[in-house]
Amino acid sequence: MDDQTRIEIEAAAFRRLQQHLMEDRRDVQNIDMMNLAGFCRNCLSRWYQEAANERGIEMDKEEGREAFYRMPYSEWKAQHQTEASPDKQAEFETAFRENVLKDQS
């Protein structure tokens, strides 16, 4: 497989993942994804932002989120995010520390 085809296939797989998370499984909360898988929609939006920045495209955190969520993050939260239990929040602190903070050090 040539590089261009590989890139196109990877991009198609990313778009399908994005569709799955944004349209098919809106019920799945970010905190549950982070606690189980070590990443969530916010991680994907951050990775999108970082990839843009690495290519010289200025994009801040909110712009990255809006690009991934296809709406302002505040709208997504209001429409789809529910309050997390104290247990889930405690699990999240560990998952965030182990998966996000270690990537930034």
N, C-alpha and C. Protein backbone atom coordinates (compact mmCIF):
# COMPACT_ATOMS: atom_id res chain seq x y z
N MET A 1 0.85 -1.17 0.00
CA MET A 1 0.00 0.00 0.00
C MET A 1 0.90 1.24 0.00
N ASP A 2 0.57 2.20 -0.85
CA ASP A 2 1.38 3.42 -0.90
C ASP A 2 0.97 4.36 0.24
N ASP A 3 1.84 5.33 0.54
CA ASP A 3 1.63 6.23 1.67
C ASP A 3 0.33 7.02 1.55
N GLN A 4 0.01 7.53 0.38
CA GLN A 4 -1.19 8.33 0.21
C GLN A 4 -2.45 7.51 0.50
N THR A 5 -2.48 6.29 0.01
CA THR A 5 -3.63 5.42 0.27
C THR A 5 -3.75 5.13 1.76
N ARG A 6 -2.62 4.85 2.42
CA ARG A 6 -2.63 4.60 3.85
C ARG A 6 -3.18 5.80 4.60
N ILE A 7 -2.73 7.00 4.24
CA ILE A 7 -3.21 8.23 4.88
C ILE A 7 -4.71 8.39 4.68
N GLU A 8 -5.19 8.12 3.49
CA GLU A 8 -6.62 8.24 3.20
C GLU A 8 -7.44 7.23 4.00
N ILE A 9 -6.93 6.02 4.13
CA ILE A 9 -7.63 4.99 4.91
C ILE A 9 -7.63 5.37 6.39
N GLU A 10 -6.50 5.84 6.90
CA GLU A 10 -6.44 6.28 8.29
C GLU A 10 -7.41 7.43 8.55
N ALA A 11 -7.47 8.38 7.61
CA ALA A 11 -8.39 9.51 7.76
C ALA A 11 -9.84 9.04 7.74
N ALA A 12 -10.15 8.09 6.88
CA ALA A 12 -11.52 7.55 6.83
C ALA A 12 -11.87 6.84 8.13
N ALA A 13 -10.92 6.09 8.68
CA ALA A 13 -11.16 5.41 9.96
C ALA A 13 -11.38 6.43 11.08
N PHE A 14 -10.60 7.51 11.09
CA PHE A 14 -10.78 8.56 12.09
C PHE A 14 -12.16 9.20 11.95
N ARG A 15 -12.56 9.51 10.72
CA ARG A 15 -13.89 10.11 10.52
C ARG A 15 -15.00 9.18 10.98
N ARG A 16 -14.82 7.88 10.77
CA ARG A 16 -15.84 6.92 11.22
C ARG A 16 -15.89 6.83 12.74
N LEU A 17 -14.72 6.87 13.39
CA LEU A 17 -14.67 6.91 14.85
C LEU A 17 -15.37 8.17 15.36
N GLN A 18 -15.08 9.29 14.75
CA GLN A 18 -15.71 10.54 15.14
C GLN A 18 -17.22 10.45 14.98
N GLN A 19 -17.69 9.92 13.87
CA GLN A 19 -19.13 9.76 13.65
C GLN A 19 -19.73 8.85 14.71
N HIS A 20 -19.06 7.77 15.00
CA HIS A 20 -19.56 6.82 16.00
C HIS A 20 -19.73 7.51 17.36
N LEU A 21 -18.73 8.28 17.76
CA LEU A 21 -18.77 8.93 19.07
C LEU A 21 -19.71 10.12 19.11
N MET A 22 -19.86 10.82 17.99
CA MET A 22 -20.65 12.05 17.98
C MET A 22 -22.11 11.83 17.58
N GLU A 23 -22.38 10.76 16.85
CA GLU A 23 -23.74 10.54 16.36
C GLU A 23 -24.34 9.24 16.88
N ASP A 24 -23.59 8.15 16.78
CA ASP A 24 -24.13 6.84 17.12
C ASP A 24 -24.16 6.59 18.62
N ARG A 25 -23.19 7.11 19.36
CA ARG A 25 -23.08 6.81 20.80
C ARG A 25 -22.95 8.08 21.64
N ARG A 26 -23.84 9.00 21.41
CA ARG A 26 -23.86 10.22 22.23
C ARG A 26 -24.10 9.91 23.70
N ASP A 27 -24.70 8.75 23.95
CA ASP A 27 -25.01 8.36 25.33
C ASP A 27 -23.77 8.01 26.14
N VAL A 28 -22.69 7.67 25.49
CA VAL A 28 -21.47 7.30 26.20
C VAL A 28 -20.79 8.57 26.69
N GLN A 29 -20.61 8.67 27.97
CA GLN A 29 -20.03 9.86 28.58
C GLN A 29 -18.50 9.85 28.45
N ASN A 30 -17.92 11.04 28.30
CA ASN A 30 -16.46 11.16 28.23
C ASN A 30 -15.80 10.53 29.46
N ILE A 31 -16.36 10.76 30.62
CA ILE A 31 -15.75 10.24 31.84
C ILE A 31 -15.69 8.71 31.82
N ASP A 32 -16.73 8.08 31.27
CA ASP A 32 -16.73 6.62 31.16
C ASP A 32 -15.66 6.15 30.17
N MET A 33 -15.53 6.86 29.06
CA MET A 33 -14.49 6.50 28.08
C MET A 33 -13.11 6.63 28.71
N MET A 34 -12.88 7.73 29.41
CA MET A 34 -11.57 7.96 30.03
C MET A 34 -11.28 6.90 31.08
N ASN A 35 -12.28 6.59 31.89
CA ASN A 35 -12.07 5.61 32.95
C ASN A 35 -11.82 4.21 32.41
N LEU A 36 -12.44 3.87 31.30
CA LEU A 36 -12.28 2.53 30.73
C LEU A 36 -11.13 2.42 29.73
N ALA A 37 -10.98 3.44 28.89
CA ALA A 37 -10.04 3.34 27.78
C ALA A 37 -8.82 4.25 27.89
N GLY A 38 -8.88 5.22 28.79
CA GLY A 38 -7.74 6.11 28.95
C GLY A 38 -7.73 7.26 27.95
N PHE A 39 -8.83 7.44 27.20
CA PHE A 39 -8.97 8.59 26.32
C PHE A 39 -10.46 8.86 26.14
N CYS A 40 -10.77 10.06 25.66
CA CYS A 40 -12.17 10.43 25.44
C CYS A 40 -12.25 11.39 24.26
N ARG A 41 -13.41 11.93 24.03
CA ARG A 41 -13.59 12.88 22.93
C ARG A 41 -12.67 14.09 23.09
N ASN A 42 -12.49 14.55 24.33
CA ASN A 42 -11.61 15.70 24.56
C ASN A 42 -10.18 15.37 24.19
N CYS A 43 -9.74 14.14 24.46
CA CYS A 43 -8.40 13.73 24.06
C CYS A 43 -8.27 13.76 22.54
N LEU A 44 -9.28 13.24 21.85
CA LEU A 44 -9.25 13.25 20.39
C LEU A 44 -9.20 14.68 19.85
N SER A 45 -9.95 15.59 20.48
CA SER A 45 -9.92 16.98 20.03
C SER A 45 -8.56 17.61 20.31
N ARG A 46 -7.93 17.22 21.42
CA ARG A 46 -6.59 17.75 21.74
C ARG A 46 -5.56 17.21 20.74
N TRP A 47 -5.67 15.93 20.41
CA TRP A 47 -4.75 15.35 19.43
C TRP A 47 -4.93 16.01 18.06
N TYR A 48 -6.17 16.35 17.72
CA TYR A 48 -6.46 17.06 16.47
C TYR A 48 -5.77 18.43 16.50
N GLN A 49 -5.94 19.14 17.61
CA GLN A 49 -5.31 20.45 17.78
C GLN A 49 -3.79 20.34 17.69
N GLU A 50 -3.22 19.38 18.38
CA GLU A 50 -1.76 19.21 18.37
C GLU A 50 -1.25 18.90 16.97
N ALA A 51 -1.97 18.08 16.22
CA ALA A 51 -1.56 17.76 14.85
C ALA A 51 -1.60 19.01 13.98
N ALA A 52 -2.62 19.84 14.17
CA ALA A 52 -2.70 21.10 13.41
C ALA A 52 -1.53 22.01 13.78
N ASN A 53 -1.28 22.15 15.09
CA ASN A 53 -0.19 23.01 15.55
C ASN A 53 1.16 22.53 15.02
N GLU A 54 1.37 21.22 14.99
CA GLU A 54 2.63 20.65 14.48
C GLU A 54 2.84 20.98 13.00
N ARG A 55 1.76 21.24 12.31
CA ARG A 55 1.83 21.57 10.88
C ARG A 55 1.77 23.07 10.63
N GLY A 56 1.94 23.86 11.70
CA GLY A 56 1.97 25.31 11.57
C GLY A 56 0.60 25.96 11.50
N ILE A 57 -0.45 25.22 11.79
CA ILE A 57 -1.80 25.77 11.80
C ILE A 57 -2.13 26.15 13.24
N GLU A 58 -2.36 27.43 13.46
CA GLU A 58 -2.68 27.89 14.81
C GLU A 58 -4.09 27.45 15.17
N MET A 59 -4.19 26.73 16.26
CA MET A 59 -5.48 26.26 16.74
C MET A 59 -5.37 26.14 18.25
N ASP A 60 -6.29 26.78 18.96
CA ASP A 60 -6.27 26.66 20.42
C ASP A 60 -7.19 25.52 20.85
N LYS A 61 -7.24 25.31 22.15
CA LYS A 61 -8.00 24.20 22.72
C LYS A 61 -9.48 24.24 22.31
N GLU A 62 -10.08 25.42 22.42
CA GLU A 62 -11.51 25.55 22.09
C GLU A 62 -11.75 25.34 20.60
N GLU A 63 -10.85 25.82 19.75
CA GLU A 63 -11.00 25.60 18.31
C GLU A 63 -10.85 24.12 17.97
N GLY A 64 -9.94 23.43 18.64
CA GLY A 64 -9.78 22.00 18.43
C GLY A 64 -11.03 21.24 18.85
N ARG A 65 -11.59 21.63 19.98
CA ARG A 65 -12.82 20.98 20.43
C ARG A 65 -13.96 21.24 19.46
N GLU A 66 -14.10 22.47 19.01
CA GLU A 66 -15.19 22.78 18.09
C GLU A 66 -15.02 22.02 16.77
N ALA A 67 -13.79 21.86 16.31
CA ALA A 67 -13.55 21.10 15.09
C ALA A 67 -13.96 19.64 15.28
N PHE A 68 -13.64 19.06 16.44
CA PHE A 68 -13.98 17.66 16.67
C PHE A 68 -15.46 17.48 16.98
N TYR A 69 -16.00 18.30 17.87
CA TYR A 69 -17.39 18.16 18.29
C TYR A 69 -18.38 18.68 17.25
N ARG A 70 -17.88 19.47 16.29
CA ARG A 70 -18.71 20.09 15.25
C ARG A 70 -19.71 21.08 15.84
N MET A 71 -19.37 21.60 16.99
CA MET A 71 -20.17 22.63 17.68
C MET A 71 -19.31 23.11 18.85
N PRO A 72 -19.63 24.26 19.42
CA PRO A 72 -18.91 24.67 20.63
C PRO A 72 -19.05 23.60 21.72
N TYR A 73 -17.97 23.38 22.43
CA TYR A 73 -17.97 22.35 23.47
C TYR A 73 -19.06 22.61 24.51
N SER A 74 -19.31 23.86 24.81
CA SER A 74 -20.35 24.20 25.81
C SER A 74 -21.72 23.69 25.36
N GLU A 75 -22.00 23.73 24.06
CA GLU A 75 -23.26 23.20 23.55
C GLU A 75 -23.32 21.69 23.70
N TRP A 76 -22.21 21.00 23.37
CA TRP A 76 -22.18 19.55 23.52
C TRP A 76 -22.46 19.17 24.98
N LYS A 77 -21.75 19.83 25.89
CA LYS A 77 -21.94 19.53 27.31
C LYS A 77 -23.40 19.73 27.73
N ALA A 78 -23.99 20.83 27.32
CA ALA A 78 -25.37 21.12 27.70
C ALA A 78 -26.35 20.08 27.13
N GLN A 79 -26.07 19.60 25.93
CA GLN A 79 -26.98 18.68 25.27
C GLN A 79 -26.78 17.22 25.66
N HIS A 80 -25.54 16.83 25.98
CA HIS A 80 -25.24 15.40 26.09
C HIS A 80 -24.54 14.96 27.37
N GLN A 81 -23.96 15.86 28.10
CA GLN A 81 -23.16 15.44 29.25
C GLN A 81 -24.01 15.42 30.51
N THR A 82 -23.85 14.37 31.30
CA THR A 82 -24.58 14.25 32.56
C THR A 82 -23.60 14.39 33.72
N GLU A 83 -24.14 14.62 34.90
CA GLU A 83 -23.31 14.75 36.10
C GLU A 83 -22.71 13.39 36.45
N ALA A 84 -21.43 13.38 36.75
CA ALA A 84 -20.74 12.15 37.11
C ALA A 84 -20.81 11.94 38.62
N SER A 85 -20.92 10.69 39.00
CA SER A 85 -20.95 10.34 40.42
C SER A 85 -19.57 10.59 41.05
N PRO A 86 -19.52 10.73 42.36
CA PRO A 86 -18.22 10.89 43.03
C PRO A 86 -17.26 9.73 42.74
N ASP A 87 -17.78 8.51 42.63
CA ASP A 87 -16.92 7.36 42.31
C ASP A 87 -16.30 7.51 40.93
N LYS A 88 -17.12 7.91 39.95
CA LYS A 88 -16.60 8.09 38.59
C LYS A 88 -15.59 9.23 38.55
N GLN A 89 -15.84 10.28 39.31
CA GLN A 89 -14.91 11.41 39.35
C GLN A 89 -13.57 10.98 39.94
N ALA A 90 -13.60 10.15 40.97
CA ALA A 90 -12.36 9.66 41.57
C ALA A 90 -11.60 8.77 40.58
N GLU A 91 -12.32 7.89 39.88
CA GLU A 91 -11.69 7.06 38.86
C GLU A 91 -11.06 7.92 37.77
N PHE A 92 -11.78 9.00 37.40
CA PHE A 92 -11.29 9.90 36.37
C PHE A 92 -9.97 10.55 36.78
N GLU A 93 -9.87 10.98 38.02
CA GLU A 93 -8.62 11.61 38.48
C GLU A 93 -7.43 10.69 38.23
N THR A 94 -7.60 9.42 38.53
CA THR A 94 -6.54 8.44 38.30
C THR A 94 -6.29 8.27 36.80
N ALA A 95 -7.35 8.07 36.03
CA ALA A 95 -7.20 7.86 34.59
C ALA A 95 -6.55 9.07 33.93
N PHE A 96 -6.95 10.27 34.32
CA PHE A 96 -6.39 11.50 33.75
C PHE A 96 -4.91 11.59 34.07
N ARG A 97 -4.56 11.34 35.32
CA ARG A 97 -3.16 11.40 35.74
C ARG A 97 -2.32 10.39 34.97
N GLU A 98 -2.85 9.17 34.81
CA GLU A 98 -2.10 8.09 34.17
C GLU A 98 -2.03 8.22 32.64
N ASN A 99 -3.01 8.86 32.04
CA ASN A 99 -3.07 8.90 30.58
C ASN A 99 -2.81 10.25 29.96
N VAL A 100 -3.26 11.30 30.57
CA VAL A 100 -3.11 12.63 29.98
C VAL A 100 -1.88 13.33 30.52
N LEU A 101 -1.75 13.39 31.84
CA LEU A 101 -0.62 14.11 32.41
C LEU A 101 0.71 13.46 32.07
N LYS A 102 0.76 12.14 32.00
CA LYS A 102 2.03 11.48 31.66
C LYS A 102 2.43 11.81 30.22
N ASP A 103 1.45 12.06 29.33
CA ASP A 103 1.75 12.42 27.94
C ASP A 103 2.32 13.83 27.83
N GLN A 104 2.06 14.66 28.83
CA GLN A 104 2.49 16.05 28.79
C GLN A 104 3.82 16.27 29.50
N SER A 105 4.36 15.23 30.13
CA SER A 105 5.63 15.41 30.85
C SER A 105 6.81 15.10 29.97
